[in-house]
Amino acid sequence: QVQLVESGGGLVQAGGSLRLSCVASGRNFSTLAMGWFRLAPGKERECVAAISRNGGSGGSTLYADSVKGRFTISRDNARSTGYLQMNSLKPEDTAVYHCAARTPPRWDSGGSYSSPLPNDYVYWGQGTQVTVSS
């Protein structure tokens, strides 16, 4: 069983930055693809960013159009931690942010699998609140 614990949320003014962390335990983190999702009142869950198990080393990342150029997803497999660097925050970024993880499909021998679909993920953290004031 994989446990995911997010941290780093808080209240920030528009234009500010936050860095979210997601610490994983219970499984070798380097075997997991992960993503960051957010859920705001009255809105559907949205994938903010996702990263393959190999991350930037021959792996893949993807971003929602709404955050491209402002958010950066990364991971440190040695620390079993994933990150979401959020810059130029806007009030519409206000939401509860969750990290999620899954073991990739069997065909993912190269470690490039990532997915924006919440139903593709098995493990979820409890979430951390991000509030951006105008």
N, C-alpha and C. Protein backbone atom coordinates (compact mmCIF):
# COMPACT_ATOMS: atom_id res chain seq x y z
N GLN A 1 0.85 -1.18 0.00
CA GLN A 1 0.00 0.00 0.00
C GLN A 1 0.89 1.24 0.00
N VAL A 2 0.53 2.20 -0.81
CA VAL A 2 1.30 3.43 -0.92
C VAL A 2 0.58 4.53 -0.16
N GLN A 3 1.32 5.26 0.64
CA GLN A 3 0.78 6.43 1.31
C GLN A 3 1.42 7.68 0.71
N LEU A 4 0.59 8.68 0.49
CA LEU A 4 1.05 9.95 -0.06
C LEU A 4 0.64 11.07 0.89
N VAL A 5 1.59 11.93 1.21
CA VAL A 5 1.31 13.04 2.12
C VAL A 5 1.78 14.34 1.47
N GLU A 6 0.83 15.23 1.26
CA GLU A 6 1.14 16.52 0.66
C GLU A 6 1.42 17.56 1.74
N SER A 7 2.19 18.55 1.36
CA SER A 7 2.44 19.70 2.22
C SER A 7 2.80 20.89 1.35
N GLY A 8 2.81 22.07 1.96
CA GLY A 8 3.26 23.25 1.25
C GLY A 8 2.16 24.21 0.84
N GLY A 9 0.91 23.82 1.06
CA GLY A 9 -0.17 24.72 0.72
C GLY A 9 -0.24 25.89 1.68
N GLY A 10 -1.10 26.83 1.35
CA GLY A 10 -1.27 28.00 2.23
C GLY A 10 -1.98 29.11 1.52
N LEU A 11 -1.92 30.28 2.15
CA LEU A 11 -2.54 31.49 1.62
C LEU A 11 -1.45 32.37 1.01
N VAL A 12 -1.67 32.79 -0.21
CA VAL A 12 -0.68 33.62 -0.89
C VAL A 12 -1.41 34.67 -1.72
N GLN A 13 -0.78 35.80 -1.93
CA GLN A 13 -1.38 36.82 -2.76
C GLN A 13 -1.18 36.49 -4.24
N ALA A 14 -2.05 37.01 -5.05
CA ALA A 14 -1.92 36.83 -6.50
C ALA A 14 -0.53 37.29 -6.94
N GLY A 15 0.05 36.50 -7.83
CA GLY A 15 1.41 36.78 -8.28
C GLY A 15 2.48 36.08 -7.47
N GLY A 16 2.10 35.52 -6.35
CA GLY A 16 3.06 34.85 -5.48
C GLY A 16 3.34 33.42 -5.91
N SER A 17 4.12 32.74 -5.11
CA SER A 17 4.55 31.37 -5.42
C SER A 17 4.37 30.46 -4.21
N LEU A 18 4.17 29.21 -4.51
CA LEU A 18 4.16 28.15 -3.51
C LEU A 18 4.82 26.92 -4.11
N ARG A 19 5.38 26.10 -3.24
CA ARG A 19 5.94 24.83 -3.67
C ARG A 19 5.28 23.71 -2.87
N LEU A 20 4.56 22.86 -3.56
CA LEU A 20 3.93 21.73 -2.92
C LEU A 20 4.86 20.52 -2.97
N SER A 21 4.81 19.73 -1.91
CA SER A 21 5.58 18.49 -1.85
C SER A 21 4.64 17.32 -1.61
N CYS A 22 5.03 16.17 -2.10
CA CYS A 22 4.26 14.95 -1.91
C CYS A 22 5.25 13.84 -1.57
N VAL A 23 5.23 13.40 -0.32
CA VAL A 23 6.13 12.36 0.13
C VAL A 23 5.43 11.01 0.06
N ALA A 24 6.06 10.07 -0.58
CA ALA A 24 5.48 8.74 -0.75
C ALA A 24 6.18 7.73 0.14
N SER A 25 5.43 6.75 0.62
CA SER A 25 5.98 5.66 1.39
C SER A 25 5.22 4.39 1.07
N GLY A 26 5.83 3.26 1.37
CA GLY A 26 5.18 1.98 1.17
C GLY A 26 5.56 1.28 -0.11
N ARG A 27 6.26 1.98 -0.99
CA ARG A 27 6.68 1.39 -2.25
C ARG A 27 7.84 2.21 -2.79
N ASN A 28 8.68 1.57 -3.59
CA ASN A 28 9.76 2.29 -4.23
C ASN A 28 9.19 3.38 -5.13
N PHE A 29 9.44 4.63 -4.76
CA PHE A 29 8.83 5.76 -5.45
C PHE A 29 9.20 5.79 -6.93
N SER A 30 10.37 5.30 -7.26
CA SER A 30 10.83 5.36 -8.65
C SER A 30 10.02 4.44 -9.57
N THR A 31 9.19 3.59 -9.01
CA THR A 31 8.35 2.71 -9.82
C THR A 31 6.98 3.32 -10.10
N LEU A 32 6.72 4.50 -9.59
CA LEU A 32 5.38 5.11 -9.67
C LEU A 32 5.35 6.31 -10.59
N ALA A 33 4.34 6.36 -11.44
CA ALA A 33 4.00 7.60 -12.12
C ALA A 33 3.14 8.42 -11.17
N MET A 34 3.24 9.73 -11.27
CA MET A 34 2.46 10.55 -10.35
C MET A 34 1.87 11.76 -11.04
N GLY A 35 0.88 12.32 -10.39
CA GLY A 35 0.25 13.53 -10.91
C GLY A 35 -0.21 14.42 -9.79
N TRP A 36 -0.46 15.66 -10.13
CA TRP A 36 -1.07 16.63 -9.21
C TRP A 36 -2.43 17.01 -9.76
N PHE A 37 -3.42 16.94 -8.91
CA PHE A 37 -4.79 17.29 -9.27
C PHE A 37 -5.29 18.35 -8.32
N ARG A 38 -6.27 19.11 -8.79
CA ARG A 38 -6.89 20.08 -7.89
C ARG A 38 -8.40 20.02 -8.02
N LEU A 39 -9.02 20.36 -6.90
CA LEU A 39 -10.47 20.34 -6.83
C LEU A 39 -10.94 21.61 -6.15
N ALA A 40 -11.70 22.39 -6.91
CA ALA A 40 -12.24 23.63 -6.39
C ALA A 40 -13.75 23.50 -6.26
N PRO A 41 -14.37 24.25 -5.33
CA PRO A 41 -15.82 24.15 -5.15
C PRO A 41 -16.56 24.43 -6.45
N GLY A 42 -17.49 23.55 -6.78
CA GLY A 42 -18.31 23.74 -7.96
C GLY A 42 -17.64 23.38 -9.26
N LYS A 43 -16.41 22.85 -9.17
CA LYS A 43 -15.68 22.49 -10.39
C LYS A 43 -15.31 21.02 -10.36
N GLU A 44 -15.01 20.49 -11.52
CA GLU A 44 -14.56 19.11 -11.62
C GLU A 44 -13.08 19.02 -11.26
N ARG A 45 -12.69 17.83 -10.84
CA ARG A 45 -11.28 17.59 -10.55
C ARG A 45 -10.46 17.79 -11.83
N GLU A 46 -9.38 18.50 -11.69
CA GLU A 46 -8.55 18.84 -12.85
C GLU A 46 -7.12 18.37 -12.64
N CYS A 47 -6.57 17.73 -13.65
CA CYS A 47 -5.15 17.39 -13.59
C CYS A 47 -4.34 18.63 -13.89
N VAL A 48 -3.53 19.04 -12.95
CA VAL A 48 -2.68 20.20 -13.12
C VAL A 48 -1.41 19.81 -13.87
N ALA A 49 -0.82 18.70 -13.47
CA ALA A 49 0.43 18.24 -14.08
C ALA A 49 0.64 16.78 -13.75
N ALA A 50 1.38 16.11 -14.59
CA ALA A 50 1.71 14.71 -14.35
C ALA A 50 3.13 14.45 -14.82
N ILE A 51 3.75 13.44 -14.22
CA ILE A 51 5.14 13.13 -14.54
C ILE A 51 5.34 11.64 -14.50
N SER A 52 6.12 11.16 -15.43
CA SER A 52 6.40 9.72 -15.49
C SER A 52 7.38 9.32 -14.39
N ARG A 53 7.56 8.04 -14.21
CA ARG A 53 8.43 7.57 -13.14
C ARG A 53 9.88 7.97 -13.35
N ASN A 54 10.27 8.17 -14.62
CA ASN A 54 11.63 8.62 -14.90
C ASN A 54 11.79 10.12 -14.86
N GLY A 55 10.68 10.83 -14.72
CA GLY A 55 10.75 12.27 -14.61
C GLY A 55 11.43 12.91 -15.79
N GLY A 56 12.37 13.78 -15.53
CA GLY A 56 13.05 14.50 -16.59
C GLY A 56 14.12 13.69 -17.27
N SER A 57 14.44 12.51 -16.74
CA SER A 57 15.50 11.69 -17.32
C SER A 57 14.93 10.74 -18.36
N GLY A 58 14.60 11.28 -19.53
CA GLY A 58 14.02 10.45 -20.57
C GLY A 58 12.56 10.13 -20.35
N GLY A 59 11.97 10.75 -19.34
CA GLY A 59 10.56 10.51 -19.06
C GLY A 59 9.70 11.57 -19.71
N SER A 60 8.55 11.84 -19.11
CA SER A 60 7.64 12.80 -19.71
C SER A 60 6.91 13.58 -18.62
N THR A 61 6.53 14.78 -18.98
CA THR A 61 5.68 15.60 -18.14
C THR A 61 4.55 16.16 -18.99
N LEU A 62 3.45 16.46 -18.36
CA LEU A 62 2.37 17.13 -19.06
C LEU A 62 1.70 18.11 -18.12
N TYR A 63 1.08 19.13 -18.72
CA TYR A 63 0.48 20.22 -17.95
C TYR A 63 -0.88 20.60 -18.51
N ALA A 64 -1.74 21.04 -17.63
CA ALA A 64 -2.97 21.65 -18.08
C ALA A 64 -2.64 22.98 -18.75
N ASP A 65 -3.41 23.34 -19.75
CA ASP A 65 -3.18 24.60 -20.45
C ASP A 65 -3.22 25.78 -19.50
N SER A 66 -4.05 25.69 -18.49
CA SER A 66 -4.25 26.81 -17.57
C SER A 66 -3.02 27.10 -16.71
N VAL A 67 -2.08 26.16 -16.63
CA VAL A 67 -0.91 26.36 -15.77
C VAL A 67 0.40 26.32 -16.53
N LYS A 68 0.37 26.06 -17.81
CA LYS A 68 1.60 25.99 -18.58
C LYS A 68 2.38 27.30 -18.47
N GLY A 69 3.68 27.17 -18.25
CA GLY A 69 4.52 28.35 -18.11
C GLY A 69 4.55 28.92 -16.71
N ARG A 70 3.64 28.46 -15.84
CA ARG A 70 3.60 28.96 -14.46
C ARG A 70 3.95 27.86 -13.44
N PHE A 71 3.52 26.64 -13.70
CA PHE A 71 3.74 25.52 -12.78
C PHE A 71 4.79 24.58 -13.36
N THR A 72 5.55 23.97 -12.47
CA THR A 72 6.54 22.98 -12.87
C THR A 72 6.44 21.77 -11.95
N ILE A 73 6.28 20.61 -12.55
CA ILE A 73 6.26 19.37 -11.79
C ILE A 73 7.64 18.73 -11.86
N SER A 74 8.05 18.15 -10.76
CA SER A 74 9.34 17.48 -10.72
C SER A 74 9.28 16.39 -9.66
N ARG A 75 10.35 15.62 -9.59
CA ARG A 75 10.39 14.56 -8.59
C ARG A 75 11.84 14.26 -8.23
N ASP A 76 12.01 13.79 -7.01
CA ASP A 76 13.31 13.35 -6.53
C ASP A 76 13.11 11.93 -6.03
N ASN A 77 13.44 10.98 -6.86
CA ASN A 77 13.17 9.58 -6.50
C ASN A 77 13.99 9.14 -5.30
N ALA A 78 15.17 9.72 -5.13
CA ALA A 78 16.00 9.35 -3.98
C ALA A 78 15.35 9.79 -2.66
N ARG A 79 14.56 10.83 -2.71
CA ARG A 79 13.86 11.33 -1.53
C ARG A 79 12.41 10.88 -1.47
N SER A 80 11.99 10.10 -2.47
CA SER A 80 10.59 9.62 -2.53
C SER A 80 9.61 10.80 -2.48
N THR A 81 9.94 11.85 -3.18
CA THR A 81 9.14 13.07 -3.09
C THR A 81 8.88 13.64 -4.47
N GLY A 82 7.65 14.06 -4.67
CA GLY A 82 7.28 14.80 -5.86
C GLY A 82 7.00 16.24 -5.49
N TYR A 83 7.17 17.12 -6.46
CA TYR A 83 7.00 18.55 -6.20
C TYR A 83 6.12 19.20 -7.26
N LEU A 84 5.49 20.28 -6.85
CA LEU A 84 4.79 21.15 -7.79
C LEU A 84 5.15 22.58 -7.44
N GLN A 85 5.99 23.18 -8.27
CA GLN A 85 6.35 24.58 -8.09
C GLN A 85 5.32 25.43 -8.80
N MET A 86 4.68 26.32 -8.06
CA MET A 86 3.62 27.14 -8.61
C MET A 86 4.02 28.61 -8.51
N ASN A 87 4.18 29.23 -9.66
CA ASN A 87 4.55 30.64 -9.74
C ASN A 87 3.42 31.45 -10.36
N SER A 88 3.48 32.74 -10.20
CA SER A 88 2.48 33.64 -10.79
C SER A 88 1.07 33.17 -10.48
N LEU A 89 0.83 32.88 -9.25
CA LEU A 89 -0.46 32.32 -8.86
C LEU A 89 -1.59 33.31 -9.07
N LYS A 90 -2.74 32.76 -9.42
CA LYS A 90 -3.93 33.55 -9.68
C LYS A 90 -5.04 33.11 -8.73
N PRO A 91 -6.02 33.96 -8.48
CA PRO A 91 -7.14 33.55 -7.62
C PRO A 91 -7.82 32.28 -8.13
N GLU A 92 -7.88 32.09 -9.41
CA GLU A 92 -8.52 30.88 -9.96
C GLU A 92 -7.73 29.61 -9.72
N ASP A 93 -6.52 29.73 -9.18
CA ASP A 93 -5.75 28.55 -8.79
C ASP A 93 -6.17 28.04 -7.40
N THR A 94 -7.02 28.77 -6.74
CA THR A 94 -7.47 28.36 -5.41
C THR A 94 -8.19 27.01 -5.49
N ALA A 95 -7.74 26.06 -4.70
CA ALA A 95 -8.31 24.71 -4.71
C ALA A 95 -7.59 23.87 -3.67
N VAL A 96 -8.11 22.68 -3.47
CA VAL A 96 -7.38 21.65 -2.72
C VAL A 96 -6.56 20.86 -3.74
N TYR A 97 -5.27 20.76 -3.48
CA TYR A 97 -4.37 20.07 -4.39
C TYR A 97 -4.02 18.70 -3.83
N HIS A 98 -4.18 17.70 -4.66
CA HIS A 98 -3.88 16.32 -4.28
C HIS A 98 -2.79 15.78 -5.18
N CYS A 99 -1.90 15.00 -4.61
CA CYS A 99 -1.02 14.21 -5.45
C CYS A 99 -1.59 12.80 -5.57
N ALA A 100 -1.28 12.16 -6.66
CA ALA A 100 -1.77 10.82 -6.93
C ALA A 100 -0.66 10.01 -7.59
N ALA A 101 -0.73 8.71 -7.45
CA ALA A 101 0.31 7.86 -8.01
C ALA A 101 -0.26 6.52 -8.44
N ARG A 102 0.46 5.87 -9.30
CA ARG A 102 0.09 4.54 -9.75
C ARG A 102 1.33 3.84 -10.32
N THR A 103 1.30 2.54 -10.35
CA THR A 103 2.31 1.81 -11.08
C THR A 103 1.95 1.91 -12.56
N PRO A 104 2.92 2.14 -13.41
CA PRO A 104 2.63 2.28 -14.84
C PRO A 104 2.16 0.97 -15.48
N PRO A 105 1.58 1.05 -16.66
CA PRO A 105 1.20 -0.17 -17.38
C PRO A 105 2.42 -1.03 -17.71
N ARG A 106 2.19 -2.26 -17.99
CA ARG A 106 3.29 -3.19 -18.26
C ARG A 106 4.12 -2.76 -19.46
N TRP A 107 3.49 -2.07 -20.42
CA TRP A 107 4.23 -1.69 -21.63
C TRP A 107 5.22 -0.55 -21.38
N ASP A 108 5.18 0.04 -20.21
CA ASP A 108 6.00 1.21 -19.94
C ASP A 108 7.41 0.82 -19.50
N SER A 109 8.12 0.09 -20.35
CA SER A 109 9.47 -0.34 -19.98
C SER A 109 10.43 0.84 -19.94
N GLY A 110 10.13 1.89 -20.71
CA GLY A 110 11.02 3.02 -20.77
C GLY A 110 10.77 4.07 -19.71
N GLY A 111 9.71 3.92 -18.94
CA GLY A 111 9.45 4.88 -17.87
C GLY A 111 8.92 6.21 -18.33
N SER A 112 8.21 6.22 -19.46
CA SER A 112 7.72 7.48 -20.01
C SER A 112 6.23 7.69 -19.80
N TYR A 113 5.56 6.77 -19.14
CA TYR A 113 4.11 6.85 -18.99
C TYR A 113 3.71 7.94 -18.00
N SER A 114 2.76 8.77 -18.41
CA SER A 114 2.10 9.70 -17.51
C SER A 114 0.67 9.86 -17.99
N SER A 115 -0.21 10.28 -17.12
CA SER A 115 -1.63 10.36 -17.47
C SER A 115 -2.29 11.54 -16.78
N PRO A 116 -3.19 12.25 -17.50
CA PRO A 116 -3.96 13.33 -16.88
C PRO A 116 -5.31 12.87 -16.33
N LEU A 117 -5.60 11.58 -16.40
CA LEU A 117 -6.92 11.08 -16.04
C LEU A 117 -6.95 10.60 -14.60
N PRO A 118 -7.82 11.18 -13.77
CA PRO A 118 -7.85 10.77 -12.37
C PRO A 118 -8.16 9.29 -12.18
N ASN A 119 -8.98 8.72 -13.05
CA ASN A 119 -9.33 7.31 -12.89
C ASN A 119 -8.15 6.37 -13.15
N ASP A 120 -7.09 6.90 -13.72
CA ASP A 120 -5.90 6.08 -13.97
C ASP A 120 -5.05 5.90 -12.72
N TYR A 121 -5.33 6.68 -11.69
CA TYR A 121 -4.50 6.67 -10.49
C TYR A 121 -5.15 5.86 -9.38
N VAL A 122 -4.30 5.16 -8.64
CA VAL A 122 -4.78 4.27 -7.59
C VAL A 122 -4.60 4.89 -6.20
N TYR A 123 -3.49 5.56 -6.01
CA TYR A 123 -3.15 6.09 -4.69
C TYR A 123 -3.32 7.60 -4.67
N TRP A 124 -3.90 8.09 -3.59
CA TRP A 124 -4.19 9.52 -3.46
C TRP A 124 -3.80 10.01 -2.08
N GLY A 125 -3.31 11.25 -2.05
CA GLY A 125 -3.07 11.89 -0.78
C GLY A 125 -4.32 12.61 -0.30
N GLN A 126 -4.25 13.14 0.92
CA GLN A 126 -5.39 13.80 1.52
C GLN A 126 -5.59 15.21 0.98
N GLY A 127 -4.56 15.79 0.43
CA GLY A 127 -4.70 17.10 -0.16
C GLY A 127 -4.17 18.22 0.72
N THR A 128 -3.84 19.32 0.07
CA THR A 128 -3.39 20.51 0.77
C THR A 128 -4.08 21.73 0.14
N GLN A 129 -4.57 22.61 0.98
CA GLN A 129 -5.34 23.76 0.50
C GLN A 129 -4.40 24.85 0.00
N VAL A 130 -4.72 25.35 -1.17
CA VAL A 130 -4.03 26.52 -1.73
C VAL A 130 -5.08 27.60 -1.94
N THR A 131 -4.84 28.76 -1.34
CA THR A 131 -5.75 29.88 -1.47
C THR A 131 -4.98 31.08 -1.98
N VAL A 132 -5.43 31.63 -3.08
CA VAL A 132 -4.77 32.78 -3.68
C VAL A 132 -5.71 33.98 -3.59
N SER A 133 -5.29 34.99 -2.90
CA SER A 133 -6.10 36.19 -2.72
C SER A 133 -5.78 37.22 -3.79
N SER A 134 -6.80 37.98 -4.15
CA SER A 134 -6.60 38.99 -5.21
C SER A 134 -6.15 40.30 -4.63
